[in-house]
Amino acid sequence: MKFVLAAVAALTASSVAAADLGIMGLTAGGETVAEYNMDSESMTLTVEPEIGKTWMDIDFTASSIIDIYNDEFVLGDTMPTLDVEARKTLVGNIEIYAGTGYDLELEERTDIKVGLSFSF
């Protein structure tokens, strides 16, 4: 039974490439993840819609993870956090970024994070 549920979760997980909305250079995309934890025997389903814009070589994004299922239907039980981020490629695989969020449930800003990432 666990194997069947894990297979269903793996097959239903999907990712959508960003699509150009044709409105002032905005893009939209998202990701849906269905996951089954074999050890705790729990299943989750989340959706993360994202909207973005590139301006002066800076990629701005806004997204939010929305919980739909967590061993029971939970959509609408809690308000999500709206995350915003700005990223700029400095050289090759080096990016600088800054991001924060706003917790709609607690009505407060989340931590501000800045950093430098190197991809290889």
PDB file of N, CA and C in Angstrom:
ATOM      1  N   MET A   1       0.823  -1.192   0.000  1.00  0.00           N
ATOM      2  CA  MET A   1       0.000   0.000   0.000  1.00  0.00           C
ATOM      3  C   MET A   1       0.870   1.261   0.000  1.00  0.00           C
ATOM      4  N   LYS A   2       1.933   1.242   0.820  1.00  0.00           N
ATOM      5  CA  LYS A   2       2.830   2.403   0.864  1.00  0.00           C
ATOM      6  C   LYS A   2       3.445   2.666  -0.507  1.00  0.00           C
ATOM      7  N   PHE A   3       3.834   1.592  -1.185  1.00  0.00           N
ATOM      8  CA  PHE A   3       4.452   1.757  -2.498  1.00  0.00           C
ATOM      9  C   PHE A   3       3.472   2.385  -3.485  1.00  0.00           C
ATOM     10  N   VAL A   4       2.226   1.956  -3.457  1.00  0.00           N
ATOM     11  CA  VAL A   4       1.211   2.499  -4.366  1.00  0.00           C
ATOM     12  C   VAL A   4       1.011   3.986  -4.096  1.00  0.00           C
ATOM     13  N   LEU A   5       0.890   4.365  -2.819  1.00  0.00           N
ATOM     14  CA  LEU A   5       0.716   5.771  -2.482  1.00  0.00           C
ATOM     15  C   LEU A   5       1.937   6.597  -2.878  1.00  0.00           C
ATOM     16  N   ALA A   6       3.132   6.065  -2.680  1.00  0.00           N
ATOM     17  CA  ALA A   6       4.347   6.775  -3.076  1.00  0.00           C
ATOM     18  C   ALA A   6       4.398   6.957  -4.587  1.00  0.00           C
ATOM     19  N   ALA A   7       3.984   5.930  -5.334  1.00  0.00           N
ATOM     20  CA  ALA A   7       3.981   6.030  -6.790  1.00  0.00           C
ATOM     21  C   ALA A   7       2.977   7.075  -7.266  1.00  0.00           C
ATOM     22  N   VAL A   8       1.801   7.090  -6.661  1.00  0.00           N
ATOM     23  CA  VAL A   8       0.787   8.088  -7.023  1.00  0.00           C
ATOM     24  C   VAL A   8       1.305   9.485  -6.716  1.00  0.00           C
ATOM     25  N   ALA A   9       1.927   9.669  -5.563  1.00  0.00           N
ATOM     26  CA  ALA A   9       2.473  10.979  -5.198  1.00  0.00           C
ATOM     27  C   ALA A   9       3.545  11.412  -6.184  1.00  0.00           C
ATOM     28  N   ALA A  10       4.414  10.499  -6.571  1.00  0.00           N
ATOM     29  CA  ALA A  10       5.483  10.850  -7.509  1.00  0.00           C
ATOM     30  C   ALA A  10       4.931  11.201  -8.880  1.00  0.00           C
ATOM     31  N   LEU A  11       3.914  10.488  -9.316  1.00  0.00           N
ATOM     32  CA  LEU A  11       3.347  10.734 -10.634  1.00  0.00           C
ATOM     33  C   LEU A  11       2.518  12.013 -10.691  1.00  0.00           C
ATOM     34  N   THR A  12       1.924  12.416  -9.566  1.00  0.00           N
ATOM     35  CA  THR A  12       1.075  13.607  -9.586  1.00  0.00           C
ATOM     36  C   THR A  12       1.855  14.885  -9.311  1.00  0.00           C
ATOM     37  N   ALA A  13       3.080  14.783  -8.806  1.00  0.00           N
ATOM     38  CA  ALA A  13       3.884  15.982  -8.593  1.00  0.00           C
ATOM     39  C   ALA A  13       4.217  16.585  -9.954  1.00  0.00           C
ATOM     40  N   SER A  14       4.038  17.879 -10.076  1.00  0.00           N
ATOM     41  CA  SER A  14       4.302  18.506 -11.370  1.00  0.00           C
ATOM     42  C   SER A  14       4.942  19.862 -11.183  1.00  0.00           C
ATOM     43  N   SER A  15       5.541  20.345 -12.227  1.00  0.00           N
ATOM     44  CA  SER A  15       6.132  21.664 -12.233  1.00  0.00           C
ATOM     45  C   SER A  15       5.720  22.342 -13.534  1.00  0.00           C
ATOM     46  N   VAL A  16       5.356  23.599 -13.428  1.00  0.00           N
ATOM     47  CA  VAL A  16       4.919  24.341 -14.604  1.00  0.00           C
ATOM     48  C   VAL A  16       5.964  25.394 -14.915  1.00  0.00           C
ATOM     49  N   ALA A  17       6.405  25.465 -16.156  1.00  0.00           N
ATOM     50  CA  ALA A  17       7.374  26.488 -16.553  1.00  0.00           C
ATOM     51  C   ALA A  17       6.696  27.847 -16.557  1.00  0.00           C
ATOM     52  N   ALA A  18       7.473  28.883 -16.312  1.00  0.00           N
ATOM     53  CA  ALA A  18       6.928  30.237 -16.309  1.00  0.00           C
ATOM     54  C   ALA A  18       6.400  30.591 -17.696  1.00  0.00           C
ATOM     55  N   ALA A  19       5.243  31.206 -17.713  1.00  0.00           N
ATOM     56  CA  ALA A  19       4.618  31.620 -18.969  1.00  0.00           C
ATOM     57  C   ALA A  19       4.560  33.135 -19.019  1.00  0.00           C
ATOM     58  N   ASP A  20       4.880  33.698 -20.172  1.00  0.00           N
ATOM     59  CA  ASP A  20       4.817  35.145 -20.349  1.00  0.00           C
ATOM     60  C   ASP A  20       3.356  35.565 -20.423  1.00  0.00           C
ATOM     61  N   LEU A  21       2.949  36.483 -19.545  1.00  0.00           N
ATOM     62  CA  LEU A  21       1.566  36.939 -19.528  1.00  0.00           C
ATOM     63  C   LEU A  21       1.279  37.988 -20.590  1.00  0.00           C
ATOM     64  N   GLY A  22       2.326  38.596 -21.159  1.00  0.00           N
ATOM     65  CA  GLY A  22       2.131  39.611 -22.181  1.00  0.00           C
ATOM     66  C   GLY A  22       1.676  40.950 -21.620  1.00  0.00           C
ATOM     67  N   ILE A  23       1.754  41.113 -20.320  1.00  0.00           N
ATOM     68  CA  ILE A  23       1.364  42.357 -19.666  1.00  0.00           C
ATOM     69  C   ILE A  23       2.592  42.924 -18.958  1.00  0.00           C
ATOM     70  N   MET A  24       3.202  43.937 -19.513  1.00  0.00           N
ATOM     71  CA  MET A  24       4.360  44.613 -18.913  1.00  0.00           C
ATOM     72  C   MET A  24       5.491  43.662 -18.535  1.00  0.00           C
ATOM     73  N   GLY A  25       5.666  42.585 -19.289  1.00  0.00           N
ATOM     74  CA  GLY A  25       6.762  41.661 -19.040  1.00  0.00           C
ATOM     75  C   GLY A  25       6.573  40.738 -17.850  1.00  0.00           C
ATOM     76  N   LEU A  26       5.351  40.598 -17.344  1.00  0.00           N
ATOM     77  CA  LEU A  26       5.093  39.713 -16.212  1.00  0.00           C
ATOM     78  C   LEU A  26       5.085  38.255 -16.652  1.00  0.00           C
ATOM     79  N   THR A  27       5.584  37.393 -15.785  1.00  0.00           N
ATOM     80  CA  THR A  27       5.538  35.959 -16.025  1.00  0.00           C
ATOM     81  C   THR A  27       4.781  35.298 -14.882  1.00  0.00           C
ATOM     82  N   ALA A  28       4.198  34.157 -15.158  1.00  0.00           N
ATOM     83  CA  ALA A  28       3.482  33.398 -14.133  1.00  0.00           C
ATOM     84  C   ALA A  28       3.866  31.940 -14.245  1.00  0.00           C
ATOM     85  N   GLY A  29       3.909  31.281 -13.135  1.00  0.00           N
ATOM     86  CA  GLY A  29       4.241  29.865 -13.111  1.00  0.00           C
ATOM     87  C   GLY A  29       3.880  29.295 -11.763  1.00  0.00           C
ATOM     88  N   GLY A  30       4.369  28.133 -11.494  1.00  0.00           N
ATOM     89  CA  GLY A  30       4.082  27.529 -10.207  1.00  0.00           C
ATOM     90  C   GLY A  30       4.543  26.103 -10.152  1.00  0.00           C
ATOM     91  N   GLU A  31       4.300  25.505  -9.001  1.00  0.00           N
ATOM     92  CA  GLU A  31       4.689  24.116  -8.781  1.00  0.00           C
ATOM     93  C   GLU A  31       3.659  23.467  -7.871  1.00  0.00           C
ATOM     94  N   THR A  32       3.300  22.242  -8.196  1.00  0.00           N
ATOM     95  CA  THR A  32       2.423  21.435  -7.360  1.00  0.00           C
ATOM     96  C   THR A  32       3.226  20.231  -6.894  1.00  0.00           C
ATOM     97  N   VAL A  33       3.191  19.967  -5.583  1.00  0.00           N
ATOM     98  CA  VAL A  33       3.945  18.843  -5.040  1.00  0.00           C
ATOM     99  C   VAL A  33       3.020  17.960  -4.211  1.00  0.00           C
ATOM    100  N   ALA A  34       2.932  16.692  -4.591  1.00  0.00           N
ATOM    101  CA  ALA A  34       2.232  15.679  -3.807  1.00  0.00           C
ATOM    102  C   ALA A  34       3.306  14.754  -3.263  1.00  0.00           C
ATOM    103  N   GLU A  35       3.316  14.562  -1.955  1.00  0.00           N
ATOM    104  CA  GLU A  35       4.403  13.817  -1.331  1.00  0.00           C
ATOM    105  C   GLU A  35       3.866  12.859  -0.281  1.00  0.00           C
ATOM    106  N   TYR A  36       4.410  11.655  -0.256  1.00  0.00           N
ATOM    107  CA  TYR A  36       4.060  10.664   0.758  1.00  0.00           C
ATOM    108  C   TYR A  36       5.309  10.320   1.536  1.00  0.00           C
ATOM    109  N   ASN A  37       5.275  10.482   2.858  1.00  0.00           N
ATOM    110  CA  ASN A  37       6.388  10.143   3.728  1.00  0.00           C
ATOM    111  C   ASN A  37       6.212   8.689   4.165  1.00  0.00           C
ATOM    112  N   MET A  38       7.118   7.848   3.714  1.00  0.00           N
ATOM    113  CA  MET A  38       7.006   6.419   3.983  1.00  0.00           C
ATOM    114  C   MET A  38       7.182   6.084   5.468  1.00  0.00           C
ATOM    115  N   ASP A  39       8.016   6.835   6.189  1.00  0.00           N
ATOM    116  CA  ASP A  39       8.267   6.532   7.593  1.00  0.00           C
ATOM    117  C   ASP A  39       7.106   6.956   8.492  1.00  0.00           C
ATOM    118  N   SER A  40       6.607   8.174   8.304  1.00  0.00           N
ATOM    119  CA  SER A  40       5.519   8.649   9.161  1.00  0.00           C
ATOM    120  C   SER A  40       4.144   8.340   8.583  1.00  0.00           C
ATOM    121  N   GLU A  41       4.120   7.767   7.385  1.00  0.00           N
ATOM    122  CA  GLU A  41       2.882   7.417   6.692  1.00  0.00           C
ATOM    123  C   GLU A  41       1.932   8.618   6.595  1.00  0.00           C
ATOM    124  N   SER A  42       2.502   9.737   6.166  1.00  0.00           N
ATOM    125  CA  SER A  42       1.688  10.948   5.996  1.00  0.00           C
ATOM    126  C   SER A  42       1.792  11.430   4.555  1.00  0.00           C
ATOM    127  N   MET A  43       0.724  12.071   4.087  1.00  0.00           N
ATOM    128  CA  MET A  43       0.673  12.559   2.718  1.00  0.00           C
ATOM    129  C   MET A  43       0.365  14.044   2.724  1.00  0.00           C
ATOM    130  N   THR A  44       1.057  14.805   1.850  1.00  0.00           N
ATOM    131  CA  THR A  44       0.825  16.240   1.726  1.00  0.00           C
ATOM    132  C   THR A  44       0.667  16.612   0.260  1.00  0.00           C
ATOM    133  N   LEU A  45      -0.057  17.691   0.042  1.00  0.00           N
ATOM    134  CA  LEU A  45      -0.228  18.257  -1.294  1.00  0.00           C
ATOM    135  C   LEU A  45      -0.161  19.770  -1.149  1.00  0.00           C
ATOM    136  N   THR A  46       0.784  20.387  -1.853  1.00  0.00           N
ATOM    137  CA  THR A  46       0.934  21.841  -1.811  1.00  0.00           C
ATOM    138  C   THR A  46       0.977  22.399  -3.225  1.00  0.00           C
ATOM    139  N   VAL A  47       0.582  23.658  -3.337  1.00  0.00           N
ATOM    140  CA  VAL A  47       0.646  24.389  -4.596  1.00  0.00           C
ATOM    141  C   VAL A  47       1.400  25.677  -4.309  1.00  0.00           C
ATOM    142  N   GLU A  48       2.336  26.032  -5.198  1.00  0.00           N
ATOM    143  CA  GLU A  48       3.083  27.283  -5.046  1.00  0.00           C
ATOM    144  C   GLU A  48       2.989  28.097  -6.338  1.00  0.00           C
ATOM    145  N   PRO A  49       1.987  28.986  -6.426  1.00  0.00           N
ATOM    146  CA  PRO A  49       1.925  29.873  -7.594  1.00  0.00           C
ATOM    147  C   PRO A  49       2.989  30.964  -7.472  1.00  0.00           C
ATOM    148  N   GLU A  50       3.490  31.432  -8.622  1.00  0.00           N
ATOM    149  CA  GLU A  50       4.541  32.459  -8.614  1.00  0.00           C
ATOM    150  C   GLU A  50       4.309  33.433  -9.756  1.00  0.00           C
ATOM    151  N   ILE A  51       4.555  34.696  -9.478  1.00  0.00           N
ATOM    152  CA  ILE A  51       4.500  35.729 -10.516  1.00  0.00           C
ATOM    153  C   ILE A  51       5.847  36.449 -10.484  1.00  0.00           C
ATOM    154  N   GLY A  52       6.345  36.843 -11.647  1.00  0.00           N
ATOM    155  CA  GLY A  52       7.664  37.465 -11.694  1.00  0.00           C
ATOM    156  C   GLY A  52       7.766  38.559 -12.736  1.00  0.00           C
ATOM    157  N   LYS A  53       8.804  39.348 -12.589  1.00  0.00           N
ATOM    158  CA  LYS A  53       9.114  40.422 -13.540  1.00  0.00           C
ATOM    159  C   LYS A  53      10.612  40.660 -13.489  1.00  0.00           C
ATOM    160  N   THR A  54      11.198  40.883 -14.654  1.00  0.00           N
ATOM    161  CA  THR A  54      12.609  41.254 -14.730  1.00  0.00           C
ATOM    162  C   THR A  54      12.692  42.715 -15.117  1.00  0.00           C
ATOM    163  N   TRP A  55      13.454  43.470 -14.331  1.00  0.00           N
ATOM    164  CA  TRP A  55      13.621  44.895 -14.587  1.00  0.00           C
ATOM    165  C   TRP A  55      15.071  45.257 -14.292  1.00  0.00           C
ATOM    166  N   MET A  56      15.758  45.845 -15.252  1.00  0.00           N
ATOM    167  CA  MET A  56      17.166  46.235 -15.130  1.00  0.00           C
ATOM    168  C   MET A  56      18.032  45.055 -14.673  1.00  0.00           C
ATOM    169  N   ASP A  57      17.828  43.888 -15.284  1.00  0.00           N
ATOM    170  CA  ASP A  57      18.563  42.660 -14.983  1.00  0.00           C
ATOM    171  C   ASP A  57      18.349  42.143 -13.563  1.00  0.00           C
ATOM    172  N   ILE A  58      17.307  42.588 -12.887  1.00  0.00           N
ATOM    173  CA  ILE A  58      16.960  42.085 -11.557  1.00  0.00           C
ATOM    174  C   ILE A  58      15.660  41.288 -11.694  1.00  0.00           C
ATOM    175  N   ASP A  59      15.674  40.049 -11.212  1.00  0.00           N
ATOM    176  CA  ASP A  59      14.490  39.193 -11.259  1.00  0.00           C
ATOM    177  C   ASP A  59      13.708  39.347  -9.961  1.00  0.00           C
ATOM    178  N   PHE A  60      12.498  39.892 -10.063  1.00  0.00           N
ATOM    179  CA  PHE A  60      11.609  40.053  -8.919  1.00  0.00           C
ATOM    180  C   PHE A  60      10.562  38.947  -8.971  1.00  0.00           C
ATOM    181  N   THR A  61      10.309  38.274  -7.841  1.00  0.00           N
ATOM    182  CA  THR A  61       9.281  37.238  -7.792  1.00  0.00           C
ATOM    183  C   THR A  61       8.433  37.393  -6.530  1.00  0.00           C
ATOM    184  N   ALA A  62       7.197  36.975  -6.635  1.00  0.00           N
ATOM    185  CA  ALA A  62       6.284  36.884  -5.496  1.00  0.00           C
ATOM    186  C   ALA A  62       5.631  35.515  -5.572  1.00  0.00           C
ATOM    187  N   SER A  63       5.612  34.802  -4.453  1.00  0.00           N
ATOM    188  CA  SER A  63       5.041  33.460  -4.441  1.00  0.00           C
ATOM    189  C   SER A  63       4.467  33.159  -3.067  1.00  0.00           C
ATOM    190  N   SER A  64       3.740  32.072  -2.989  1.00  0.00           N
ATOM    191  CA  SER A  64       3.138  31.651  -1.739  1.00  0.00           C
ATOM    192  C   SER A  64       2.882  30.159  -1.786  1.00  0.00           C
ATOM    193  N   ILE A  65       3.257  29.446  -0.737  1.00  0.00           N
ATOM    194  CA  ILE A  65       2.978  28.018  -0.657  1.00  0.00           C
ATOM    195  C   ILE A  65       1.611  27.847  -0.005  1.00  0.00           C
ATOM    196  N   ILE A  66       0.720  27.169  -0.719  1.00  0.00           N
ATOM    197  CA  ILE A  66      -0.643  26.953  -0.235  1.00  0.00           C
ATOM    198  C   ILE A  66      -0.815  25.468   0.068  1.00  0.00           C
ATOM    199  N   ASP A  67      -1.082  25.159   1.328  1.00  0.00           N
ATOM    200  CA  ASP A  67      -1.317  23.774   1.731  1.00  0.00           C
ATOM    201  C   ASP A  67      -2.738  23.369   1.354  1.00  0.00           C
ATOM    202  N   ILE A  68      -2.854  22.235   0.662  1.00  0.00           N
ATOM    203  CA  ILE A  68      -4.170  21.737   0.260  1.00  0.00           C
ATOM    204  C   ILE A  68      -4.543  20.492   1.063  1.00  0.00           C
ATOM    205  N   TYR A  69      -3.570  19.607   1.267  1.00  0.00           N
ATOM    206  CA  TYR A  69      -3.839  18.354   1.960  1.00  0.00           C
ATOM    207  C   TYR A  69      -2.671  18.020   2.865  1.00  0.00           C
ATOM    208  N   ASN A  70      -2.961  17.663   4.122  1.00  0.00           N
ATOM    209  CA  ASN A  70      -1.950  17.224   5.068  1.00  0.00           C
ATOM    210  C   ASN A  70      -2.589  16.130   5.928  1.00  0.00           C
ATOM    211  N   ASP A  71      -2.674  14.949   5.382  1.00  0.00           N
ATOM    212  CA  ASP A  71      -3.398  13.807   5.953  1.00  0.00           C
ATOM    213  C   ASP A  71      -4.895  14.057   6.081  1.00  0.00           C
ATOM    214  N   GLU A  72      -5.339  15.217   5.721  1.00  0.00           N
ATOM    215  CA  GLU A  72      -6.746  15.584   5.599  1.00  0.00           C
ATOM    216  C   GLU A  72      -6.815  16.875   4.801  1.00  0.00           C
ATOM    217  N   PHE A  73      -7.960  17.195   4.276  1.00  0.00           N
ATOM    218  CA  PHE A  73      -8.134  18.401   3.478  1.00  0.00           C
ATOM    219  C   PHE A  73      -7.975  19.621   4.369  1.00  0.00           C
ATOM    220  N   VAL A  74      -6.988  20.509   4.073  1.00  0.00           N
ATOM    221  CA  VAL A  74      -6.699  21.656   4.933  1.00  0.00           C
ATOM    222  C   VAL A  74      -6.755  22.996   4.196  1.00  0.00           C
ATOM    223  N   LEU A  75      -7.162  22.990   2.939  1.00  0.00           N
ATOM    224  CA  LEU A  75      -7.218  24.230   2.164  1.00  0.00           C
ATOM    225  C   LEU A  75      -8.143  25.234   2.856  1.00  0.00           C
ATOM    226  N   GLY A  76      -7.629  26.416   3.144  1.00  0.00           N
ATOM    227  CA  GLY A  76      -8.416  27.462   3.781  1.00  0.00           C
ATOM    228  C   GLY A  76      -8.365  27.464   5.295  1.00  0.00           C
ATOM    229  N   ASP A  77      -7.732  26.441   5.905  1.00  0.00           N
ATOM    230  CA  ASP A  77      -7.634  26.406   7.367  1.00  0.00           C
ATOM    231  C   ASP A  77      -6.717  27.497   7.907  1.00  0.00           C
ATOM    232  N   THR A  78      -5.657  27.791   7.180  1.00  0.00           N
ATOM    233  CA  THR A  78      -4.726  28.844   7.583  1.00  0.00           C
ATOM    234  C   THR A  78      -4.424  29.736   6.388  1.00  0.00           C
ATOM    235  N   MET A  79      -4.061  30.967   6.676  1.00  0.00           N
ATOM    236  CA  MET A  79      -3.675  31.900   5.628  1.00  0.00           C
ATOM    237  C   MET A  79      -2.204  31.667   5.291  1.00  0.00           C
ATOM    238  N   PRO A  80      -1.814  31.773   4.019  1.00  0.00           N
ATOM    239  CA  PRO A  80      -0.417  31.537   3.629  1.00  0.00           C
ATOM    240  C   PRO A  80       0.470  32.763   3.898  1.00  0.00           C
ATOM    241  N   THR A  81       1.737  32.581   3.642  1.00  0.00           N
ATOM    242  CA  THR A  81       2.715  33.669   3.701  1.00  0.00           C
ATOM    243  C   THR A  81       3.053  34.071   2.274  1.00  0.00           C
ATOM    244  N   LEU A  82       3.015  35.354   1.984  1.00  0.00           N
ATOM    245  CA  LEU A  82       3.379  35.878   0.672  1.00  0.00           C
ATOM    246  C   LEU A  82       4.873  36.194   0.703  1.00  0.00           C
ATOM    247  N   ASP A  83       5.651  35.489  -0.113  1.00  0.00           N
ATOM    248  CA  ASP A  83       7.103  35.670  -0.158  1.00  0.00           C
ATOM    249  C   ASP A  83       7.493  36.507  -1.369  1.00  0.00           C
ATOM    250  N   VAL A  84       8.402  37.458  -1.172  1.00  0.00           N
ATOM    251  CA  VAL A  84       8.919  38.270  -2.272  1.00  0.00           C
ATOM    252  C   VAL A  84      10.440  38.186  -2.265  1.00  0.00           C
ATOM    253  N   GLU A  85      11.017  38.227  -3.472  1.00  0.00           N
ATOM    254  CA  GLU A  85      12.464  38.096  -3.594  1.00  0.00           C
ATOM    255  C   GLU A  85      12.954  38.864  -4.807  1.00  0.00           C
ATOM    256  N   ALA A  86      14.174  39.368  -4.708  1.00  0.00           N
ATOM    257  CA  ALA A  86      14.857  40.007  -5.830  1.00  0.00           C
ATOM    258  C   ALA A  86      16.210  39.321  -5.992  1.00  0.00           C
ATOM    259  N   ARG A  87      16.564  38.964  -7.235  1.00  0.00           N
ATOM    260  CA  ARG A  87      17.838  38.303  -7.530  1.00  0.00           C
ATOM    261  C   ARG A  87      18.504  38.975  -8.715  1.00  0.00           C
ATOM    262  N   LYS A  88      19.829  39.094  -8.645  1.00  0.00           N
ATOM    263  CA  LYS A  88      20.596  39.657  -9.756  1.00  0.00           C
ATOM    264  C   LYS A  88      21.849  38.830  -9.940  1.00  0.00           C
ATOM    265  N   THR A  89      22.112  38.444 -11.194  1.00  0.00           N
ATOM    266  CA  THR A  89      23.331  37.714 -11.514  1.00  0.00           C
ATOM    267  C   THR A  89      24.477  38.705 -11.573  1.00  0.00           C
ATOM    268  N   LEU A  90      25.517  38.443 -10.781  1.00  0.00           N
ATOM    269  CA  LEU A  90      26.691  39.324 -10.780  1.00  0.00           C
ATOM    270  C   LEU A  90      27.670  38.915 -11.866  1.00  0.00           C
ATOM    271  N   VAL A  91      28.159  37.673 -11.760  1.00  0.00           N
ATOM    272  CA  VAL A  91      29.112  37.138 -12.733  1.00  0.00           C
ATOM    273  C   VAL A  91      28.840  35.658 -12.892  1.00  0.00           C
ATOM    274  N   GLY A  92      28.613  35.205 -14.112  1.00  0.00           N
ATOM    275  CA  GLY A  92      28.437  33.778 -14.365  1.00  0.00           C
ATOM    276  C   GLY A  92      27.405  33.121 -13.466  1.00  0.00           C
ATOM    277  N   ASN A  93      27.887  32.293 -12.530  1.00  0.00           N
ATOM    278  CA  ASN A  93      27.009  31.530 -11.650  1.00  0.00           C
ATOM    279  C   ASN A  93      26.848  32.151 -10.265  1.00  0.00           C
ATOM    280  N   ILE A  94      27.216  33.418 -10.110  1.00  0.00           N
ATOM    281  CA  ILE A  94      27.117  34.087  -8.812  1.00  0.00           C
ATOM    282  C   ILE A  94      25.948  35.058  -8.828  1.00  0.00           C
ATOM    283  N   GLU A  95      25.043  34.877  -7.851  1.00  0.00           N
ATOM    284  CA  GLU A  95      23.874  35.738  -7.730  1.00  0.00           C
ATOM    285  C   GLU A  95      23.833  36.385  -6.358  1.00  0.00           C
ATOM    286  N   ILE A  96      23.326  37.594  -6.311  1.00  0.00           N
ATOM    287  CA  ILE A  96      23.042  38.267  -5.051  1.00  0.00           C
ATOM    288  C   ILE A  96      21.529  38.322  -4.929  1.00  0.00           C
ATOM    289  N   TYR A  97      21.017  38.168  -3.712  1.00  0.00           N
ATOM    290  CA  TYR A  97      19.566  38.143  -3.552  1.00  0.00           C
ATOM    291  C   TYR A  97      19.137  38.771  -2.230  1.00  0.00           C
ATOM    292  N   ALA A  98      17.890  39.186  -2.178  1.00  0.00           N
ATOM    293  CA  ALA A  98      17.259  39.695  -0.964  1.00  0.00           C
ATOM    294  C   ALA A  98      15.808  39.255  -0.997  1.00  0.00           C
ATOM    295  N   GLY A  99      15.277  38.917   0.148  1.00  0.00           N
ATOM    296  CA  GLY A  99      13.896  38.464   0.184  1.00  0.00           C
ATOM    297  C   GLY A  99      13.280  38.611   1.549  1.00  0.00           C
ATOM    298  N   THR A 100      11.979  38.656   1.576  1.00  0.00           N
ATOM    299  CA  THR A 100      11.210  38.704   2.810  1.00  0.00           C
ATOM    300  C   THR A 100       9.828  38.157   2.506  1.00  0.00           C
ATOM    301  N   GLY A 101       8.965  38.234   3.454  1.00  0.00           N
ATOM    302  CA  GLY A 101       7.607  37.756   3.249  1.00  0.00           C
ATOM    303  C   GLY A 101       6.662  38.456   4.200  1.00  0.00           C
ATOM    304  N   TYR A 102       5.380  38.190   3.993  1.00  0.00           N
ATOM    305  CA  TYR A 102       4.359  38.734   4.882  1.00  0.00           C
ATOM    306  C   TYR A 102       3.413  37.600   5.248  1.00  0.00           C
ATOM    307  N   ASP A 103       3.349  37.281   6.527  1.00  0.00           N
ATOM    308  CA  ASP A 103       2.482  36.211   7.023  1.00  0.00           C
ATOM    309  C   ASP A 103       1.066  36.758   7.146  1.00  0.00           C
ATOM    310  N   LEU A 104       0.180  36.302   6.282  1.00  0.00           N
ATOM    311  CA  LEU A 104      -1.190  36.799   6.279  1.00  0.00           C
ATOM    312  C   LEU A 104      -1.971  36.339   7.507  1.00  0.00           C
ATOM    313  N   GLU A 105      -1.566  35.238   8.127  1.00  0.00           N
ATOM    314  CA  GLU A 105      -2.227  34.728   9.332  1.00  0.00           C
ATOM    315  C   GLU A 105      -1.873  35.596  10.545  1.00  0.00           C
ATOM    316  N   LEU A 106      -0.574  35.856  10.728  1.00  0.00           N
ATOM    317  CA  LEU A 106      -0.107  36.631  11.882  1.00  0.00           C
ATOM    318  C   LEU A 106      -0.107  38.135  11.624  1.00  0.00           C
ATOM    319  N   GLU A 107      -0.294  38.513  10.362  1.00  0.00           N
ATOM    320  CA  GLU A 107      -0.266  39.913   9.935  1.00  0.00           C
ATOM    321  C   GLU A 107       1.031  40.606  10.347  1.00  0.00           C
ATOM    322  N   GLU A 108       2.148  39.945   9.993  1.00  0.00           N
ATOM    323  CA  GLU A 108       3.456  40.533  10.261  1.00  0.00           C
ATOM    324  C   GLU A 108       4.460  40.084   9.206  1.00  0.00           C
ATOM    325  N   ARG A 109       5.515  40.894   9.059  1.00  0.00           N
ATOM    326  CA  ARG A 109       6.574  40.608   8.097  1.00  0.00           C
ATOM    327  C   ARG A 109       7.453  39.483   8.631  1.00  0.00           C
ATOM    328  N   THR A 110       7.932  38.652   7.718  1.00  0.00           N
ATOM    329  CA  THR A 110       8.879  37.604   8.104  1.00  0.00           C
ATOM    330  C   THR A 110      10.298  38.176   8.049  1.00  0.00           C
ATOM    331  N   ASP A 111      11.283  37.369   8.379  1.00  0.00           N
ATOM    332  CA  ASP A 111      12.676  37.815   8.392  1.00  0.00           C
ATOM    333  C   ASP A 111      13.120  38.282   7.013  1.00  0.00           C
ATOM    334  N   ILE A 112      13.944  39.313   6.989  1.00  0.00           N
ATOM    335  CA  ILE A 112      14.577  39.777   5.756  1.00  0.00           C
ATOM    336  C   ILE A 112      15.884  39.010   5.607  1.00  0.00           C
ATOM    337  N   LYS A 113      16.070  38.420   4.431  1.00  0.00           N
ATOM    338  CA  LYS A 113      17.289  37.639   4.184  1.00  0.00           C
ATOM    339  C   LYS A 113      18.001  38.207   2.956  1.00  0.00           C
ATOM    340  N   VAL A 114      19.301  38.380   3.068  1.00  0.00           N
ATOM    341  CA  VAL A 114      20.140  38.796   1.938  1.00  0.00           C
ATOM    342  C   VAL A 114      21.277  37.790   1.840  1.00  0.00           C
ATOM    343  N   GLY A 115      21.751  37.587   0.626  1.00  0.00           N
ATOM    344  CA  GLY A 115      22.834  36.618   0.489  1.00  0.00           C
ATOM    345  C   GLY A 115      23.439  36.605  -0.891  1.00  0.00           C
ATOM    346  N   LEU A 116      24.398  35.741  -1.025  1.00  0.00           N
ATOM    347  CA  LEU A 116      25.145  35.546  -2.256  1.00  0.00           C
ATOM    348  C   LEU A 116      25.132  34.049  -2.508  1.00  0.00           C
ATOM    349  N   SER A 117      24.774  33.636  -3.731  1.00  0.00           N
ATOM    350  CA  SER A 117      24.764  32.204  -4.025  1.00  0.00           C
ATOM    351  C   SER A 117      25.672  31.909  -5.213  1.00  0.00           C
ATOM    352  N   PHE A 118      26.251  30.735  -5.159  1.00  0.00           N
ATOM    353  CA  PHE A 118      27.127  30.260  -6.229  1.00  0.00           C
ATOM    354  C   PHE A 118      26.591  28.917  -6.693  1.00  0.00           C
ATOM    355  N   SER A 119      26.240  28.811  -7.960  1.00  0.00           N
ATOM    356  CA  SER A 119      25.720  27.549  -8.514  1.00  0.00           C
ATOM    357  C   SER A 119      26.807  26.843  -9.300  1.00  0.00           C
ATOM    358  N   PHE A 120      26.871  25.533  -9.144  1.00  0.00           N
ATOM    359  CA  PHE A 120      27.851  24.732  -9.891  1.00  0.00           C
ATOM    360  C   PHE A 120      27.260  23.436 -10.309  1.00  0.00           C
TER     361      PHE A 120
END
